[in-house]
Amino acid sequence: MPIVNPGSRTADYPGMNSLASISALTTDAGARPVGWQVQLRVDYVVNKVMQTHRGQSEDAVKQEIQDQLRVYGVVPNKRQVAQYATAISVLPPTN
């Protein structure tokens, strides 16, 4: 007798989770560019700093972005951080 009957569902076997197909796993992973996780972290940090530091000095914004990126394990690109800091510092402060 086979352990799992052909044509059965995982719901028929308590404690078993269904698995994604191999083709779905390779397609999703292969479609993402190299470094997508790093960029996701950078975007998160920049949005977070934009909410809390808008209108502050460029140096303060730059320092906060660098500190937050390091928390998430990202080595900051100084030129990119400077561009973000410039843009955030000219925004009107939130009330």
PDB file of N, CA and C in Angstrom:
ATOM      1  N   MET A   1       0.845  -1.179   0.000  1.00  0.00           N
ATOM      2  CA  MET A   1       0.000   0.000   0.000  1.00  0.00           C
ATOM      3  C   MET A   1       0.890   1.242   0.000  1.00  0.00           C
ATOM      4  N   PRO A   2       0.643   2.197  -0.935  1.00  0.00           N
ATOM      5  CA  PRO A   2       1.463   3.407  -0.977  1.00  0.00           C
ATOM      6  C   PRO A   2       1.185   4.309   0.225  1.00  0.00           C
ATOM      7  N   ILE A   3       2.184   5.094   0.579  1.00  0.00           N
ATOM      8  CA  ILE A   3       2.039   5.995   1.713  1.00  0.00           C
ATOM      9  C   ILE A   3       0.992   7.065   1.402  1.00  0.00           C
ATOM     10  N   VAL A   4       1.034   7.618   0.206  1.00  0.00           N
ATOM     11  CA  VAL A   4       0.064   8.628  -0.228  1.00  0.00           C
ATOM     12  C   VAL A   4      -0.607   8.087  -1.482  1.00  0.00           C
ATOM     13  N   ASN A   5      -1.903   8.077  -1.474  1.00  0.00           N
ATOM     14  CA  ASN A   5      -2.640   7.592  -2.630  1.00  0.00           C
ATOM     15  C   ASN A   5      -2.560   8.589  -3.775  1.00  0.00           C
ATOM     16  N   PRO A   6      -2.330   8.108  -4.995  1.00  0.00           N
ATOM     17  CA  PRO A   6      -2.314   9.012  -6.147  1.00  0.00           C
ATOM     18  C   PRO A   6      -3.658   9.718  -6.275  1.00  0.00           C
ATOM     19  N   GLY A   7      -3.639  10.990  -6.577  1.00  0.00           N
ATOM     20  CA  GLY A   7      -4.860  11.754  -6.742  1.00  0.00           C
ATOM     21  C   GLY A   7      -5.434  12.295  -5.446  1.00  0.00           C
ATOM     22  N   SER A   8      -4.815  11.992  -4.322  1.00  0.00           N
ATOM     23  CA  SER A   8      -5.326  12.494  -3.058  1.00  0.00           C
ATOM     24  C   SER A   8      -4.793  13.901  -2.810  1.00  0.00           C
ATOM     25  N   ARG A   9      -5.411  14.601  -1.900  1.00  0.00           N
ATOM     26  CA  ARG A   9      -5.007  15.961  -1.550  1.00  0.00           C
ATOM     27  C   ARG A   9      -4.321  15.946  -0.191  1.00  0.00           C
ATOM     28  N   THR A  10      -3.537  16.990   0.072  1.00  0.00           N
ATOM     29  CA  THR A  10      -2.869  17.052   1.379  1.00  0.00           C
ATOM     30  C   THR A  10      -3.882  17.227   2.496  1.00  0.00           C
ATOM     31  N   ALA A  11      -5.059  17.758   2.169  1.00  0.00           N
ATOM     32  CA  ALA A  11      -6.092  17.907   3.196  1.00  0.00           C
ATOM     33  C   ALA A  11      -6.563  16.548   3.704  1.00  0.00           C
ATOM     34  N   ASP A  12      -6.349  15.513   2.880  1.00  0.00           N
ATOM     35  CA  ASP A  12      -6.726  14.167   3.292  1.00  0.00           C
ATOM     36  C   ASP A  12      -5.756  13.600   4.320  1.00  0.00           C
ATOM     37  N   TYR A  13      -4.604  14.225   4.479  1.00  0.00           N
ATOM     38  CA  TYR A  13      -3.573  13.747   5.390  1.00  0.00           C
ATOM     39  C   TYR A  13      -3.245  14.855   6.397  1.00  0.00           C
ATOM     40  N   PRO A  14      -3.810  14.809   7.587  1.00  0.00           N
ATOM     41  CA  PRO A  14      -3.565  15.861   8.583  1.00  0.00           C
ATOM     42  C   PRO A  14      -2.069  16.035   8.861  1.00  0.00           C
ATOM     43  N   GLY A  15      -1.672  17.285   8.994  1.00  0.00           N
ATOM     44  CA  GLY A  15      -0.275  17.585   9.307  1.00  0.00           C
ATOM     45  C   GLY A  15       0.599  17.761   8.088  1.00  0.00           C
ATOM     46  N   MET A  16       0.091  17.485   6.909  1.00  0.00           N
ATOM     47  CA  MET A  16       0.888  17.647   5.696  1.00  0.00           C
ATOM     48  C   MET A  16       0.521  18.958   5.022  1.00  0.00           C
ATOM     49  N   ASN A  17       1.519  19.713   4.630  1.00  0.00           N
ATOM     50  CA  ASN A  17       1.293  20.969   3.916  1.00  0.00           C
ATOM     51  C   ASN A  17       1.548  20.739   2.442  1.00  0.00           C
ATOM     52  N   SER A  18       0.798  21.446   1.610  1.00  0.00           N
ATOM     53  CA  SER A  18       1.047  21.326   0.180  1.00  0.00           C
ATOM     54  C   SER A  18       2.321  22.077  -0.162  1.00  0.00           C
ATOM     55  N   LEU A  19       3.005  21.647  -1.187  1.00  0.00           N
ATOM     56  CA  LEU A  19       4.257  22.255  -1.603  1.00  0.00           C
ATOM     57  C   LEU A  19       4.059  22.966  -2.927  1.00  0.00           C
ATOM     58  N   ALA A  20       4.816  24.019  -3.137  1.00  0.00           N
ATOM     59  CA  ALA A  20       4.789  24.704  -4.422  1.00  0.00           C
ATOM     60  C   ALA A  20       5.472  23.821  -5.450  1.00  0.00           C
ATOM     61  N   SER A  21       5.024  23.918  -6.676  1.00  0.00           N
ATOM     62  CA  SER A  21       5.652  23.113  -7.715  1.00  0.00           C
ATOM     63  C   SER A  21       7.067  23.620  -7.960  1.00  0.00           C
ATOM     64  N   ILE A  22       7.921  22.748  -8.414  1.00  0.00           N
ATOM     65  CA  ILE A  22       9.314  23.118  -8.677  1.00  0.00           C
ATOM     66  C   ILE A  22       9.378  24.195  -9.744  1.00  0.00           C
ATOM     67  N   SER A  23       8.543  24.102 -10.773  1.00  0.00           N
ATOM     68  CA  SER A  23       8.583  25.105 -11.834  1.00  0.00           C
ATOM     69  C   SER A  23       8.196  26.482 -11.297  1.00  0.00           C
ATOM     70  N   ALA A  24       7.268  26.540 -10.346  1.00  0.00           N
ATOM     71  CA  ALA A  24       6.880  27.828  -9.763  1.00  0.00           C
ATOM     72  C   ALA A  24       8.026  28.413  -8.957  1.00  0.00           C
ATOM     73  N   LEU A  25       8.761  27.573  -8.259  1.00  0.00           N
ATOM     74  CA  LEU A  25       9.870  28.067  -7.453  1.00  0.00           C
ATOM     75  C   LEU A  25      10.991  28.616  -8.320  1.00  0.00           C
ATOM     76  N   THR A  26      11.318  27.923  -9.394  1.00  0.00           N
ATOM     77  CA  THR A  26      12.411  28.378 -10.244  1.00  0.00           C
ATOM     78  C   THR A  26      12.015  29.587 -11.061  1.00  0.00           C
ATOM     79  N   THR A  27      10.769  29.687 -11.453  1.00  0.00           N
ATOM     80  CA  THR A  27      10.323  30.833 -12.231  1.00  0.00           C
ATOM     81  C   THR A  27      10.362  32.098 -11.388  1.00  0.00           C
ATOM     82  N   ASP A  28       9.846  32.035 -10.167  1.00  0.00           N
ATOM     83  CA  ASP A  28       9.830  33.217  -9.305  1.00  0.00           C
ATOM     84  C   ASP A  28      11.241  33.668  -8.953  1.00  0.00           C
ATOM     85  N   ALA A  29      12.083  32.741  -8.601  1.00  0.00           N
ATOM     86  CA  ALA A  29      13.443  33.094  -8.192  1.00  0.00           C
ATOM     87  C   ALA A  29      14.253  33.595  -9.377  1.00  0.00           C
ATOM     88  N   GLY A  30      14.053  33.022 -10.542  1.00  0.00           N
ATOM     89  CA  GLY A  30      14.814  33.420 -11.712  1.00  0.00           C
ATOM     90  C   GLY A  30      14.388  34.749 -12.290  1.00  0.00           C
ATOM     91  N   ALA A  31      13.185  35.195 -11.975  1.00  0.00           N
ATOM     92  CA  ALA A  31      12.671  36.437 -12.539  1.00  0.00           C
ATOM     93  C   ALA A  31      13.175  37.665 -11.781  1.00  0.00           C
ATOM     94  N   ARG A  32      13.706  37.483 -10.614  1.00  0.00           N
ATOM     95  CA  ARG A  32      14.153  38.613  -9.810  1.00  0.00           C
ATOM     96  C   ARG A  32      15.592  38.975 -10.153  1.00  0.00           C
ATOM     97  N   PRO A  33      15.875  40.270 -10.255  1.00  0.00           N
ATOM     98  CA  PRO A  33      17.255  40.663 -10.540  1.00  0.00           C
ATOM     99  C   PRO A  33      18.146  40.476  -9.314  1.00  0.00           C
ATOM    100  N   VAL A  34      19.422  40.389  -9.571  1.00  0.00           N
ATOM    101  CA  VAL A  34      20.389  40.259  -8.491  1.00  0.00           C
ATOM    102  C   VAL A  34      20.303  41.501  -7.607  1.00  0.00           C
ATOM    103  N   GLY A  35      20.300  41.300  -6.306  1.00  0.00           N
ATOM    104  CA  GLY A  35      20.278  42.421  -5.384  1.00  0.00           C
ATOM    105  C   GLY A  35      18.891  42.955  -5.069  1.00  0.00           C
ATOM    106  N   TRP A  36      17.861  42.247  -5.449  1.00  0.00           N
ATOM    107  CA  TRP A  36      16.501  42.748  -5.219  1.00  0.00           C
ATOM    108  C   TRP A  36      16.183  42.891  -3.734  1.00  0.00           C
ATOM    109  N   GLN A  37      16.747  42.008  -2.905  1.00  0.00           N
ATOM    110  CA  GLN A  37      16.484  42.111  -1.465  1.00  0.00           C
ATOM    111  C   GLN A  37      17.145  43.356  -0.877  1.00  0.00           C
ATOM    112  N   VAL A  38      18.329  43.672  -1.350  1.00  0.00           N
ATOM    113  CA  VAL A  38      19.030  44.864  -0.868  1.00  0.00           C
ATOM    114  C   VAL A  38      18.233  46.107  -1.244  1.00  0.00           C
ATOM    115  N   GLN A  39      17.758  46.163  -2.486  1.00  0.00           N
ATOM    116  CA  GLN A  39      16.988  47.328  -2.915  1.00  0.00           C
ATOM    117  C   GLN A  39      15.684  47.445  -2.136  1.00  0.00           C
ATOM    118  N   LEU A  40      15.087  46.321  -1.822  1.00  0.00           N
ATOM    119  CA  LEU A  40      13.868  46.331  -1.010  1.00  0.00           C
ATOM    120  C   LEU A  40      14.137  46.939   0.367  1.00  0.00           C
ATOM    121  N   ARG A  41      15.254  46.587   0.960  1.00  0.00           N
ATOM    122  CA  ARG A  41      15.634  47.136   2.262  1.00  0.00           C
ATOM    123  C   ARG A  41      15.941  48.628   2.164  1.00  0.00           C
ATOM    124  N   VAL A  42      16.618  49.026   1.098  1.00  0.00           N
ATOM    125  CA  VAL A  42      16.924  50.447   0.898  1.00  0.00           C
ATOM    126  C   VAL A  42      15.622  51.231   0.764  1.00  0.00           C
ATOM    127  N   ASP A  43      14.696  50.734  -0.044  1.00  0.00           N
ATOM    128  CA  ASP A  43      13.414  51.416  -0.222  1.00  0.00           C
ATOM    129  C   ASP A  43      12.674  51.555   1.101  1.00  0.00           C
ATOM    130  N   TYR A  44      12.681  50.488   1.898  1.00  0.00           N
ATOM    131  CA  TYR A  44      12.005  50.518   3.192  1.00  0.00           C
ATOM    132  C   TYR A  44      12.609  51.589   4.101  1.00  0.00           C
ATOM    133  N   VAL A  45      13.929  51.605   4.180  1.00  0.00           N
ATOM    134  CA  VAL A  45      14.612  52.556   5.061  1.00  0.00           C
ATOM    135  C   VAL A  45      14.381  53.990   4.590  1.00  0.00           C
ATOM    136  N   VAL A  46      14.482  54.225   3.294  1.00  0.00           N
ATOM    137  CA  VAL A  46      14.299  55.582   2.776  1.00  0.00           C
ATOM    138  C   VAL A  46      12.879  56.065   3.053  1.00  0.00           C
ATOM    139  N   ASN A  47      11.891  55.214   2.864  1.00  0.00           N
ATOM    140  CA  ASN A  47      10.511  55.609   3.152  1.00  0.00           C
ATOM    141  C   ASN A  47      10.298  55.894   4.637  1.00  0.00           C
ATOM    142  N   LYS A  48      10.926  55.079   5.466  1.00  0.00           N
ATOM    143  CA  LYS A  48      10.819  55.274   6.914  1.00  0.00           C
ATOM    144  C   LYS A  48      11.464  56.597   7.339  1.00  0.00           C
ATOM    145  N   VAL A  49      12.653  56.872   6.824  1.00  0.00           N
ATOM    146  CA  VAL A  49      13.366  58.110   7.158  1.00  0.00           C
ATOM    147  C   VAL A  49      12.622  59.314   6.571  1.00  0.00           C
ATOM    148  N   MET A  50      12.007  59.137   5.407  1.00  0.00           N
ATOM    149  CA  MET A  50      11.257  60.234   4.801  1.00  0.00           C
ATOM    150  C   MET A  50      10.092  60.661   5.700  1.00  0.00           C
ATOM    151  N   GLN A  51       9.511  59.739   6.401  1.00  0.00           N
ATOM    152  CA  GLN A  51       8.399  60.052   7.288  1.00  0.00           C
ATOM    153  C   GLN A  51       8.857  60.759   8.562  1.00  0.00           C
ATOM    154  N   THR A  52      10.051  60.437   9.028  1.00  0.00           N
ATOM    155  CA  THR A  52      10.491  60.962  10.323  1.00  0.00           C
ATOM    156  C   THR A  52      11.460  62.134  10.234  1.00  0.00           C
ATOM    157  N   HIS A  53      12.172  62.307   9.104  1.00  0.00           N
ATOM    158  CA  HIS A  53      13.245  63.310   9.041  1.00  0.00           C
ATOM    159  C   HIS A  53      13.071  64.339   7.924  1.00  0.00           C
ATOM    160  N   ARG A  54      11.925  64.384   7.307  1.00  0.00           N
ATOM    161  CA  ARG A  54      11.747  65.347   6.212  1.00  0.00           C
ATOM    162  C   ARG A  54      11.883  66.768   6.724  1.00  0.00           C
ATOM    163  N   GLY A  55      12.563  67.587   5.923  1.00  0.00           N
ATOM    164  CA  GLY A  55      12.764  68.978   6.303  1.00  0.00           C
ATOM    165  C   GLY A  55      13.958  69.212   7.218  1.00  0.00           C
ATOM    166  N   GLN A  56      14.606  68.162   7.673  1.00  0.00           N
ATOM    167  CA  GLN A  56      15.779  68.332   8.530  1.00  0.00           C
ATOM    168  C   GLN A  56      17.018  68.523   7.662  1.00  0.00           C
ATOM    169  N   SER A  57      18.131  68.804   8.288  1.00  0.00           N
ATOM    170  CA  SER A  57      19.365  69.054   7.532  1.00  0.00           C
ATOM    171  C   SER A  57      19.772  67.815   6.749  1.00  0.00           C
ATOM    172  N   GLU A  58      20.434  68.080   5.659  1.00  0.00           N
ATOM    173  CA  GLU A  58      20.874  66.995   4.784  1.00  0.00           C
ATOM    174  C   GLU A  58      21.798  66.027   5.510  1.00  0.00           C
ATOM    175  N   ASP A  59      22.673  66.567   6.354  1.00  0.00           N
ATOM    176  CA  ASP A  59      23.601  65.712   7.096  1.00  0.00           C
ATOM    177  C   ASP A  59      22.872  64.797   8.078  1.00  0.00           C
ATOM    178  N   ALA A  60      21.854  65.340   8.751  1.00  0.00           N
ATOM    179  CA  ALA A  60      21.091  64.523   9.702  1.00  0.00           C
ATOM    180  C   ALA A  60      20.342  63.408   8.987  1.00  0.00           C
ATOM    181  N   VAL A  61      19.767  63.732   7.830  1.00  0.00           N
ATOM    182  CA  VAL A  61      19.033  62.733   7.055  1.00  0.00           C
ATOM    183  C   VAL A  61      19.990  61.661   6.547  1.00  0.00           C
ATOM    184  N   LYS A  62      21.130  62.100   6.044  1.00  0.00           N
ATOM    185  CA  LYS A  62      22.130  61.161   5.524  1.00  0.00           C
ATOM    186  C   LYS A  62      22.604  60.199   6.619  1.00  0.00           C
ATOM    187  N   GLN A  63      22.869  60.736   7.793  1.00  0.00           N
ATOM    188  CA  GLN A  63      23.335  59.904   8.905  1.00  0.00           C
ATOM    189  C   GLN A  63      22.279  58.885   9.310  1.00  0.00           C
ATOM    190  N   GLU A  64      21.023  59.323   9.353  1.00  0.00           N
ATOM    191  CA  GLU A  64      19.938  58.413   9.737  1.00  0.00           C
ATOM    192  C   GLU A  64      19.757  57.296   8.708  1.00  0.00           C
ATOM    193  N   ILE A  65      19.839  57.623   7.430  1.00  0.00           N
ATOM    194  CA  ILE A  65      19.724  56.599   6.390  1.00  0.00           C
ATOM    195  C   ILE A  65      20.854  55.590   6.535  1.00  0.00           C
ATOM    196  N   GLN A  66      22.072  56.073   6.714  1.00  0.00           N
ATOM    197  CA  GLN A  66      23.213  55.169   6.855  1.00  0.00           C
ATOM    198  C   GLN A  66      23.075  54.278   8.078  1.00  0.00           C
ATOM    199  N   ASP A  67      22.651  54.861   9.193  1.00  0.00           N
ATOM    200  CA  ASP A  67      22.485  54.070  10.419  1.00  0.00           C
ATOM    201  C   ASP A  67      21.422  52.994  10.245  1.00  0.00           C
ATOM    202  N   GLN A  68      20.287  53.370   9.648  1.00  0.00           N
ATOM    203  CA  GLN A  68      19.202  52.411   9.462  1.00  0.00           C
ATOM    204  C   GLN A  68      19.573  51.313   8.469  1.00  0.00           C
ATOM    205  N   LEU A  69      20.297  51.662   7.412  1.00  0.00           N
ATOM    206  CA  LEU A  69      20.713  50.644   6.445  1.00  0.00           C
ATOM    207  C   LEU A  69      21.639  49.623   7.096  1.00  0.00           C
ATOM    208  N   ARG A  70      22.517  50.092   7.948  1.00  0.00           N
ATOM    209  CA  ARG A  70      23.427  49.179   8.638  1.00  0.00           C
ATOM    210  C   ARG A  70      22.673  48.237   9.573  1.00  0.00           C
ATOM    211  N   VAL A  71      21.567  48.709  10.164  1.00  0.00           N
ATOM    212  CA  VAL A  71      20.740  47.848  11.010  1.00  0.00           C
ATOM    213  C   VAL A  71      20.223  46.666  10.191  1.00  0.00           C
ATOM    214  N   TYR A  72      19.882  46.912   8.924  1.00  0.00           N
ATOM    215  CA  TYR A  72      19.346  45.866   8.059  1.00  0.00           C
ATOM    216  C   TYR A  72      20.430  45.135   7.262  1.00  0.00           C
ATOM    217  N   GLY A  73      21.685  45.378   7.605  1.00  0.00           N
ATOM    218  CA  GLY A  73      22.775  44.643   6.983  1.00  0.00           C
ATOM    219  C   GLY A  73      23.142  45.115   5.594  1.00  0.00           C
ATOM    220  N   VAL A  74      22.814  46.356   5.277  1.00  0.00           N
ATOM    221  CA  VAL A  74      23.115  46.893   3.955  1.00  0.00           C
ATOM    222  C   VAL A  74      24.266  47.881   4.089  1.00  0.00           C
ATOM    223  N   VAL A  75      25.291  47.702   3.287  1.00  0.00           N
ATOM    224  CA  VAL A  75      26.392  48.650   3.244  1.00  0.00           C
ATOM    225  C   VAL A  75      25.952  49.786   2.332  1.00  0.00           C
ATOM    226  N   PRO A  76      25.809  50.996   2.874  1.00  0.00           N
ATOM    227  CA  PRO A  76      25.247  52.088   2.082  1.00  0.00           C
ATOM    228  C   PRO A  76      26.150  52.550   0.955  1.00  0.00           C
ATOM    229  N   ASN A  77      25.536  52.863  -0.164  1.00  0.00           N
ATOM    230  CA  ASN A  77      26.212  53.492  -1.289  1.00  0.00           C
ATOM    231  C   ASN A  77      26.169  54.992  -1.023  1.00  0.00           C
ATOM    232  N   LYS A  78      27.315  55.608  -0.810  1.00  0.00           N
ATOM    233  CA  LYS A  78      27.366  57.008  -0.371  1.00  0.00           C
ATOM    234  C   LYS A  78      26.702  57.962  -1.357  1.00  0.00           C
ATOM    235  N   ARG A  79      26.896  57.733  -2.627  1.00  0.00           N
ATOM    236  CA  ARG A  79      26.287  58.614  -3.627  1.00  0.00           C
ATOM    237  C   ARG A  79      24.767  58.492  -3.612  1.00  0.00           C
ATOM    238  N   GLN A  80      24.276  57.255  -3.517  1.00  0.00           N
ATOM    239  CA  GLN A  80      22.833  57.029  -3.470  1.00  0.00           C
ATOM    240  C   GLN A  80      22.231  57.634  -2.194  1.00  0.00           C
ATOM    241  N   VAL A  81      22.896  57.440  -1.078  1.00  0.00           N
ATOM    242  CA  VAL A  81      22.423  57.996   0.193  1.00  0.00           C
ATOM    243  C   VAL A  81      22.390  59.518   0.122  1.00  0.00           C
ATOM    244  N   ALA A  82      23.388  60.125  -0.489  1.00  0.00           N
ATOM    245  CA  ALA A  82      23.429  61.582  -0.617  1.00  0.00           C
ATOM    246  C   ALA A  82      22.261  62.090  -1.458  1.00  0.00           C
ATOM    247  N   GLN A  83      21.921  61.368  -2.515  1.00  0.00           N
ATOM    248  CA  GLN A  83      20.793  61.776  -3.351  1.00  0.00           C
ATOM    249  C   GLN A  83      19.480  61.680  -2.582  1.00  0.00           C
ATOM    250  N   TYR A  84      19.295  60.600  -1.850  1.00  0.00           N
ATOM    251  CA  TYR A  84      18.089  60.454  -1.040  1.00  0.00           C
ATOM    252  C   TYR A  84      18.018  61.542   0.028  1.00  0.00           C
ATOM    253  N   ALA A  85      19.146  61.810   0.676  1.00  0.00           N
ATOM    254  CA  ALA A  85      19.177  62.810   1.749  1.00  0.00           C
ATOM    255  C   ALA A  85      18.843  64.197   1.221  1.00  0.00           C
ATOM    256  N   THR A  86      19.352  64.534   0.045  1.00  0.00           N
ATOM    257  CA  THR A  86      19.057  65.829  -0.561  1.00  0.00           C
ATOM    258  C   THR A  86      17.560  65.962  -0.826  1.00  0.00           C
ATOM    259  N   ALA A  87      16.977  64.918  -1.384  1.00  0.00           N
ATOM    260  CA  ALA A  87      15.550  64.957  -1.703  1.00  0.00           C
ATOM    261  C   ALA A  87      14.682  65.034  -0.448  1.00  0.00           C
ATOM    262  N   ILE A  88      15.049  64.302   0.581  1.00  0.00           N
ATOM    263  CA  ILE A  88      14.249  64.288   1.813  1.00  0.00           C
ATOM    264  C   ILE A  88      14.384  65.597   2.571  1.00  0.00           C
ATOM    265  N   SER A  89      15.567  66.192   2.558  1.00  0.00           N
ATOM    266  CA  SER A  89      15.788  67.419   3.330  1.00  0.00           C
ATOM    267  C   SER A  89      15.015  68.615   2.759  1.00  0.00           C
ATOM    268  N   VAL A  90      14.671  68.602   1.498  1.00  0.00           N
ATOM    269  CA  VAL A  90      13.924  69.729   0.915  1.00  0.00           C
ATOM    270  C   VAL A  90      12.416  69.572   1.040  1.00  0.00           C
ATOM    271  N   LEU A  91      11.960  68.423   1.511  1.00  0.00           N
ATOM    272  CA  LEU A  91      10.527  68.216   1.710  1.00  0.00           C
ATOM    273  C   LEU A  91      10.041  69.024   2.903  1.00  0.00           C
ATOM    274  N   PRO A  92       8.788  69.472   2.848  1.00  0.00           N
ATOM    275  CA  PRO A  92       8.274  70.203   4.015  1.00  0.00           C
ATOM    276  C   PRO A  92       8.108  69.273   5.185  1.00  0.00           C
ATOM    277  N   PRO A  93       8.410  69.753   6.395  1.00  0.00           N
ATOM    278  CA  PRO A  93       8.277  68.890   7.581  1.00  0.00           C
ATOM    279  C   PRO A  93       6.828  68.505   7.823  1.00  0.00           C
ATOM    280  N   THR A  94       6.631  67.328   8.418  1.00  0.00           N
ATOM    281  CA  THR A  94       5.284  66.897   8.756  1.00  0.00           C
ATOM    282  C   THR A  94       4.871  67.521  10.077  1.00  0.00           C
ATOM    283  N   ASN A  95       3.614  67.714  10.235  1.00  0.00           N
ATOM    284  CA  ASN A  95       3.114  68.323  11.473  1.00  0.00           C
ATOM    285  C   ASN A  95       2.574  67.286  12.391  1.00  0.00           C
TER     286      ASN A  95
END
